[in-house]
């Protein structure tokens, strides 16, 4: 359908008629600059043309040009069919641990051992792609916490920045409390709604200025729900050419009580990811706990049509000008 963005401009359509009816006519000049007593004789010449068209035809052309100009000024637009958009209104931050312990290769991806960060990037990347309608952001933390990607609907950029993250980029230690504090700071001034932080770590808080549970209290008061994920296998076989094989616990430094306490204080949940299957299942559960679509909005694409009446008005005005000046020297 056609709509007008500035429909009130259509009120200018009768303006020329109002001017003609309400303003007094222009008086003729007192005298002509050049008098031609033989004007009647000029009319009899074969090539003489004083009439450039009937006044009625010229009047209709001028009226058409004016009407087209007014229509163009009203900005006609063509509205397409409504397109459904899922908008959740949720602000969702991912906080990913980049400390030195994330280089432990206790995950298997496509039959090959990979470090914990690579496993996180593979699974979290798929999760980001599914979060249509959420504003996503990315926090990277190690010894310090950094906002790598502010909240945005551009999921592709957030996924790219996560893939480009490297172990040790933010230091070798772990500042879980600072990461939570940064999330609270970035979200507290946002409009009220669902605010979610997904925090992934494989260790204990060994750096930073804010204790994790204290930061969790601040998050709870700010309305920030935190889901925590503890990363790392419970058992790993190390092979040594001199001492043979031995089994170790690569997640002995994981502070599960603190991670669980953070989630409980903020109304979230704690998850344990020991392998890729559990990792993928956690993100499927998060999709269920924090469904993507809360409400629906509709967008109607529109195409500007004003160039068409404007172009035709210029053509009519040009034709009228040529017609009226036809036969003049």
Protein backbone atom coordinates (compact mmCIF):
# COMPACT_ATOMS: atom_id res chain seq x y z
CA UNK A 1 0.00 0.00 0.00
CA UNK A 2 0.99 3.63 -0.46
CA UNK A 3 1.35 5.95 2.50
CA UNK A 4 2.52 9.54 2.94
CA UNK A 5 5.25 10.33 5.46
CA UNK A 6 4.36 14.04 5.51
CA UNK A 7 0.68 13.84 4.59
CA UNK A 8 0.03 17.34 5.98
CA UNK A 9 1.86 18.74 2.94
CA UNK A 10 -1.22 17.81 0.89
CA UNK A 11 -2.97 20.77 2.52
CA UNK A 12 -0.96 22.99 0.15
CA UNK A 13 -2.85 21.68 -2.91
CA UNK A 14 -5.47 24.52 -3.01
CA UNK A 15 -2.88 27.24 -2.28
CA UNK A 16 -2.72 28.65 -5.87
CA UNK A 17 -6.54 28.80 -6.07
CA UNK A 18 -6.71 30.59 -2.70
CA UNK A 19 -4.12 33.11 -3.84
CA UNK A 20 -6.10 33.72 -7.04
CA UNK A 21 -9.41 34.15 -5.17
CA UNK A 22 -8.26 36.16 -2.17
CA UNK A 23 -5.52 38.48 -3.44
CA UNK A 24 -6.39 41.48 -5.62
CA UNK A 25 -5.40 41.27 -9.30
CA UNK A 26 -2.24 42.99 -10.45
CA UNK A 27 -2.99 46.34 -12.09
CA UNK A 28 -1.81 46.97 -15.63
CA UNK A 29 1.17 49.23 -16.09
CA UNK A 30 0.34 52.89 -16.72
CA UNK A 31 2.12 52.88 -20.01
CA UNK A 32 4.07 50.54 -22.20
CA UNK A 33 7.74 51.07 -22.71
CA UNK A 34 7.33 50.60 -26.46
CA UNK A 35 4.20 51.53 -28.39
CA UNK A 36 3.48 49.82 -31.71
CA UNK A 37 0.57 51.51 -33.48
CA UNK A 38 0.89 49.00 -36.25
CA UNK A 39 0.32 46.00 -33.95
CA UNK A 40 -2.81 45.03 -35.85
CA UNK A 41 -0.79 44.89 -39.05
CA UNK A 42 1.72 42.52 -37.41
CA UNK A 43 -1.10 40.13 -36.66
CA UNK A 44 -1.72 39.71 -40.34
CA UNK A 45 1.80 38.54 -41.14
CA UNK A 46 2.03 34.84 -42.14
CA UNK A 47 4.60 33.82 -39.47
CA UNK A 48 3.26 35.99 -36.67
CA UNK A 49 2.28 33.97 -33.52
CA UNK A 50 0.91 35.74 -30.49
CA UNK A 51 -1.12 32.87 -29.14
CA UNK A 52 1.02 30.10 -27.65
CA UNK A 53 -1.83 27.82 -26.76
CA UNK A 54 -5.22 28.03 -25.20
CA UNK A 55 -5.24 29.49 -21.67
CA UNK A 56 -7.24 26.52 -20.39
CA UNK A 57 -4.63 23.98 -21.54
CA UNK A 58 -1.78 25.99 -20.02
CA UNK A 59 -3.73 26.33 -16.79
CA UNK A 60 -4.29 22.57 -16.54
CA UNK A 61 -0.60 21.86 -17.18
CA UNK A 62 0.43 24.32 -14.47
CA UNK A 63 -2.10 22.78 -12.07
CA UNK A 64 -0.78 19.29 -12.83
CA UNK A 65 2.81 20.37 -12.21
CA UNK A 66 1.81 21.97 -8.88
CA UNK A 67 -0.15 18.92 -7.77
CA UNK A 68 2.78 16.62 -8.54
CA UNK A 69 5.16 18.85 -6.61
CA UNK A 70 2.87 18.79 -3.58
CA UNK A 71 2.54 15.01 -3.78
CA UNK A 72 6.34 14.68 -3.95
CA UNK A 73 6.69 17.02 -0.94
CA UNK A 74 4.32 14.75 1.03
CA UNK A 75 6.89 11.91 0.60
CA UNK A 76 4.84 8.99 -0.72
CA UNK A 77 6.23 5.61 0.32
CA UNK A 78 5.35 2.08 -0.70
CA UNK A 79 4.84 -0.13 2.38
CA UNK A 80 5.71 -3.79 1.89
CA UNK A 81 4.29 -6.79 3.71
CA UNK A 82 4.97 -6.90 7.48
CA UNK A 83 8.11 -8.85 8.43
CA UNK A 84 8.13 -10.52 11.84
CA UNK A 85 11.09 -9.78 14.09
CA UNK A 86 11.80 -11.58 17.33
CA UNK A 87 12.96 -9.09 19.95
CA UNK A 88 13.56 -10.40 23.45
CA UNK A 89 14.72 -7.22 25.15
CA UNK A 90 17.36 -9.30 26.96
CA UNK A 91 20.89 -8.03 27.57
CA UNK A 92 23.18 -11.08 27.63
CA UNK A 93 26.88 -10.93 28.44
CA UNK A 94 29.39 -13.76 28.05
CA UNK A 95 32.38 -13.66 30.42
CA UNK A 96 35.14 -16.04 29.28
CA UNK A 97 38.21 -17.01 31.31
CA UNK A 98 41.52 -16.55 29.44
CA UNK A 99 43.85 -17.48 32.28
CA UNK A 100 46.82 -19.79 31.71
CA UNK A 101 44.99 -22.90 32.93
CA UNK A 102 42.62 -22.67 29.93
CA UNK A 103 45.38 -24.16 27.77
CA UNK A 104 44.86 -27.57 29.38
CA UNK A 105 43.94 -30.02 26.59
CA UNK A 106 41.31 -32.13 28.33
CA UNK A 107 38.54 -31.79 25.70
CA UNK A 108 38.14 -33.75 22.48
CA UNK A 109 36.75 -31.99 19.41
CA UNK A 110 36.26 -33.94 16.16
CA UNK A 111 38.51 -36.72 17.46
CA UNK A 112 41.39 -34.41 18.39
CA UNK A 113 42.41 -33.14 21.84
CA UNK A 114 41.85 -29.39 22.18
CA UNK A 115 42.36 -26.87 24.95
CA UNK A 116 39.52 -25.52 27.04
CA UNK A 117 39.34 -22.19 25.24
CA UNK A 118 38.97 -23.87 21.84
CA UNK A 119 36.13 -26.01 23.20
CA UNK A 120 34.48 -22.90 24.64
CA UNK A 121 34.78 -21.05 21.33
CA UNK A 122 33.26 -23.97 19.40
CA UNK A 123 30.20 -24.41 21.64
CA UNK A 124 29.64 -20.77 22.63
CA UNK A 125 29.84 -19.74 18.97
CA UNK A 126 26.85 -21.93 18.14
CA UNK A 127 25.02 -20.54 21.16
CA UNK A 128 25.65 -16.95 19.98
CA UNK A 129 24.27 -17.74 16.53
CA UNK A 130 20.98 -18.92 18.06
CA UNK A 131 20.43 -15.83 20.22
CA UNK A 132 18.34 -13.91 17.70
CA UNK A 133 16.67 -10.93 19.40
CA UNK A 134 19.16 -10.62 22.28
CA UNK A 135 21.75 -7.90 22.67
CA UNK A 136 25.02 -9.76 23.22
CA UNK A 137 28.28 -8.59 24.73
CA UNK A 138 31.63 -10.21 25.51
CA UNK A 139 33.87 -9.87 28.57
CA UNK A 140 37.32 -11.47 28.58
CA UNK A 141 39.06 -11.86 31.91
CA UNK A 142 42.26 -13.18 33.34
CA UNK A 143 44.25 -11.14 35.82
CA UNK A 144 41.97 -8.25 34.77
CA UNK A 145 38.57 -8.05 33.11
CA UNK A 146 38.02 -6.29 29.77
CA UNK A 147 34.90 -5.48 27.79
CA UNK A 148 35.80 -6.92 24.40
CA UNK A 149 32.41 -6.33 22.75
CA UNK A 150 29.71 -3.95 24.06
CA UNK A 151 26.08 -5.00 23.92
CA UNK A 152 24.98 -5.30 20.31
CA UNK A 153 22.53 -7.14 18.05
CA UNK A 154 25.48 -7.93 15.75
CA UNK A 155 25.96 -11.56 16.75
CA UNK A 156 28.54 -12.16 14.03
CA UNK A 157 30.91 -9.56 15.44
CA UNK A 158 30.63 -10.99 18.95
CA UNK A 159 31.35 -14.49 17.63
CA UNK A 160 34.36 -13.22 15.66
CA UNK A 161 35.82 -11.45 18.71
CA UNK A 162 35.39 -14.60 20.77
CA UNK A 163 37.16 -16.69 18.12
CA UNK A 164 40.06 -14.19 18.10
CA UNK A 165 40.57 -14.42 21.89
CA UNK A 166 43.83 -16.00 23.01
CA UNK A 167 44.93 -17.62 26.25
CA UNK A 168 46.95 -15.24 28.42
CA UNK A 169 45.65 -12.18 26.62
CA UNK A 170 44.35 -10.77 29.93
CA UNK A 171 47.02 -12.32 32.17
CA UNK A 172 47.61 -15.76 33.67
CA UNK A 173 45.59 -15.35 36.87
CA UNK A 174 41.79 -15.35 37.32
CA UNK A 175 39.73 -12.34 38.41
CA UNK A 176 36.20 -13.73 38.58
CA UNK A 177 34.94 -10.98 40.88
CA UNK A 178 36.20 -8.23 38.59
CA UNK A 179 34.46 -9.84 35.61
CA UNK A 180 31.14 -9.84 37.49
CA UNK A 181 31.71 -6.26 38.65
CA UNK A 182 32.35 -5.14 35.08
CA UNK A 183 29.13 -6.83 33.92
CA UNK A 184 27.16 -5.05 36.66
CA UNK A 185 28.70 -1.73 35.66
CA UNK A 186 27.85 -2.20 31.98
CA UNK A 187 24.24 -3.27 32.61
CA UNK A 188 23.03 -1.19 35.56
CA UNK A 189 22.16 1.89 33.46
CA UNK A 190 20.29 -0.11 30.82
CA UNK A 191 16.48 -0.14 30.70
CA UNK A 192 14.85 -2.61 33.04
CA UNK A 193 14.44 -6.08 31.59
CA UNK A 194 16.16 -9.43 31.61
CA UNK A 195 19.87 -9.04 32.22
CA UNK A 196 21.90 -12.23 32.04
CA UNK A 197 25.59 -13.05 32.51
CA UNK A 198 27.05 -16.43 31.51
CA UNK A 199 30.40 -16.83 33.23
CA UNK A 200 32.84 -19.57 32.20
CA UNK A 201 35.91 -20.39 34.26
CA UNK A 202 38.12 -23.36 35.06
CA UNK A 203 39.73 -22.15 38.27
CA UNK A 204 39.44 -20.14 41.44
CA UNK A 205 39.55 -16.40 41.99
CA UNK A 206 43.26 -15.57 42.29
CA UNK A 207 43.33 -11.90 41.28
CA UNK A 208 41.23 -8.77 41.17
CA UNK A 209 39.95 -6.25 43.68
CA UNK A 210 36.45 -7.63 44.26
CA UNK A 211 35.63 -10.98 45.86
CA UNK A 212 33.38 -13.15 43.69
CA UNK A 213 30.58 -13.56 46.26
CA UNK A 214 30.65 -9.85 47.06
CA UNK A 215 30.35 -9.10 43.36
CA UNK A 216 27.46 -11.58 43.20
CA UNK A 217 25.63 -9.59 45.90
CA UNK A 218 26.04 -6.44 43.80
CA UNK A 219 24.73 -8.30 40.76
CA UNK A 220 21.67 -9.54 42.65
CA UNK A 221 20.80 -5.99 43.73
CA UNK A 222 21.22 -4.80 40.14
CA UNK A 223 18.86 -7.47 38.80
CA UNK A 224 21.61 -9.40 36.99
CA UNK A 225 21.11 -13.15 36.76
CA UNK A 226 24.34 -15.17 36.52
CA UNK A 227 24.76 -18.65 35.09
CA UNK A 228 28.18 -20.11 35.94
CA UNK A 229 29.91 -22.90 34.06
CA UNK A 230 32.86 -24.80 35.51
CA UNK A 231 35.11 -26.08 32.72
CA UNK A 232 37.45 -29.04 32.83
CA UNK A 233 37.54 -32.84 32.95
CA UNK A 234 37.61 -34.74 36.23
CA UNK A 235 40.28 -37.14 35.03
CA UNK A 236 43.05 -37.04 32.47
CA UNK A 237 45.74 -39.55 31.53
CA UNK A 238 49.26 -38.15 31.21
CA UNK A 239 51.86 -40.24 29.40
CA UNK A 240 55.49 -39.77 30.28
CA UNK A 241 58.33 -41.65 28.51
CA UNK A 242 60.17 -42.12 31.83
CA UNK A 243 57.41 -42.57 34.42
CA UNK A 244 54.73 -44.12 32.23
CA UNK A 245 51.06 -43.24 32.33
CA UNK A 246 49.39 -41.62 35.30
CA UNK A 247 45.94 -40.27 35.99
CA UNK A 248 45.50 -36.74 37.26
CA UNK A 249 42.61 -34.40 38.04
CA UNK A 250 43.07 -31.39 35.74
CA UNK A 251 40.24 -29.52 37.49
CA UNK A 252 41.59 -29.64 41.01
CA UNK A 253 41.85 -25.83 41.10
CA UNK A 254 38.21 -25.30 40.11
CA UNK A 255 36.37 -23.57 42.97
CA UNK A 256 32.95 -25.14 42.53
CA UNK A 257 31.48 -23.89 45.86
CA UNK A 258 32.15 -20.28 44.86
CA UNK A 259 30.82 -20.79 41.32
CA UNK A 260 27.69 -22.40 42.75
CA UNK A 261 27.29 -19.63 45.32
CA UNK A 262 27.48 -16.93 42.62
CA UNK A 263 24.67 -18.57 40.69
CA UNK A 264 22.46 -19.12 43.73
CA UNK A 265 22.80 -15.52 44.94
CA UNK A 266 21.64 -14.14 41.59
CA UNK A 267 18.88 -16.62 40.77
CA UNK A 268 20.92 -18.49 38.16
CA UNK A 269 22.33 -22.01 38.00
CA UNK A 270 25.71 -23.67 38.12
CA UNK A 271 26.72 -26.14 35.40
CA UNK A 272 29.69 -28.48 35.07
CA UNK A 273 31.25 -29.08 31.64
CA UNK A 274 33.59 -32.07 31.72
CA UNK A 275 33.49 -32.87 28.01
CA UNK A 276 32.03 -31.56 24.75
CA UNK A 277 28.76 -33.46 25.18
CA UNK A 278 28.11 -31.85 28.56
CA UNK A 279 29.20 -28.48 27.20
CA UNK A 280 26.69 -28.65 24.36
CA UNK A 281 23.95 -29.88 26.69
CA UNK A 282 24.56 -26.91 29.01
CA UNK A 283 23.97 -24.43 26.22
CA UNK A 284 20.83 -26.29 25.16
CA UNK A 285 19.58 -25.96 28.73
CA UNK A 286 20.42 -22.26 28.69
CA UNK A 287 18.30 -21.88 25.56
CA UNK A 288 15.41 -23.40 27.52
CA UNK A 289 16.01 -21.39 30.69
CA UNK A 290 16.41 -18.14 28.77
CA UNK A 291 14.18 -18.56 25.69
CA UNK A 292 15.10 -16.31 22.80
CA UNK A 293 11.70 -14.90 21.90
CA UNK A 294 9.68 -12.95 24.46
CA UNK A 295 7.55 -10.84 22.16
CA UNK A 296 7.12 -10.15 18.48
CA UNK A 297 7.54 -6.96 16.58
CA UNK A 298 6.78 -6.32 12.96
CA UNK A 299 8.73 -4.25 10.50
CA UNK A 300 7.29 -3.05 7.20
CA UNK A 301 9.95 -2.30 4.57
CA UNK A 302 9.23 0.92 2.72
CA UNK A 303 10.42 2.35 -0.58
CA UNK A 304 10.50 6.09 -1.22
CA UNK A 305 8.34 7.07 -4.22
CA UNK A 306 8.77 10.87 -4.21
CA UNK A 307 11.32 10.91 -7.09
CA UNK A 308 8.58 9.80 -9.50
CA UNK A 309 6.07 12.65 -9.02
CA UNK A 310 8.95 15.09 -8.68
CA UNK A 311 10.44 13.98 -12.00
CA UNK A 312 7.09 14.12 -13.80
CA UNK A 313 6.44 17.60 -12.35
CA UNK A 314 9.76 18.83 -13.72
CA UNK A 315 8.95 17.37 -17.15
CA UNK A 316 5.49 19.02 -17.20
CA UNK A 317 6.92 22.36 -16.08
CA UNK A 318 9.65 22.17 -18.71
CA UNK A 319 7.10 21.32 -21.43
CA UNK A 320 4.88 24.19 -20.32
CA UNK A 321 7.79 26.62 -20.45
CA UNK A 322 8.75 25.51 -23.96
CA UNK A 323 5.14 25.77 -25.13
CA UNK A 324 4.66 29.27 -23.77
CA UNK A 325 7.91 30.53 -25.31
CA UNK A 326 7.28 28.92 -28.67
CA UNK A 327 7.60 31.38 -31.54
CA UNK A 328 9.24 34.10 -29.41
CA UNK A 329 12.62 35.42 -30.57
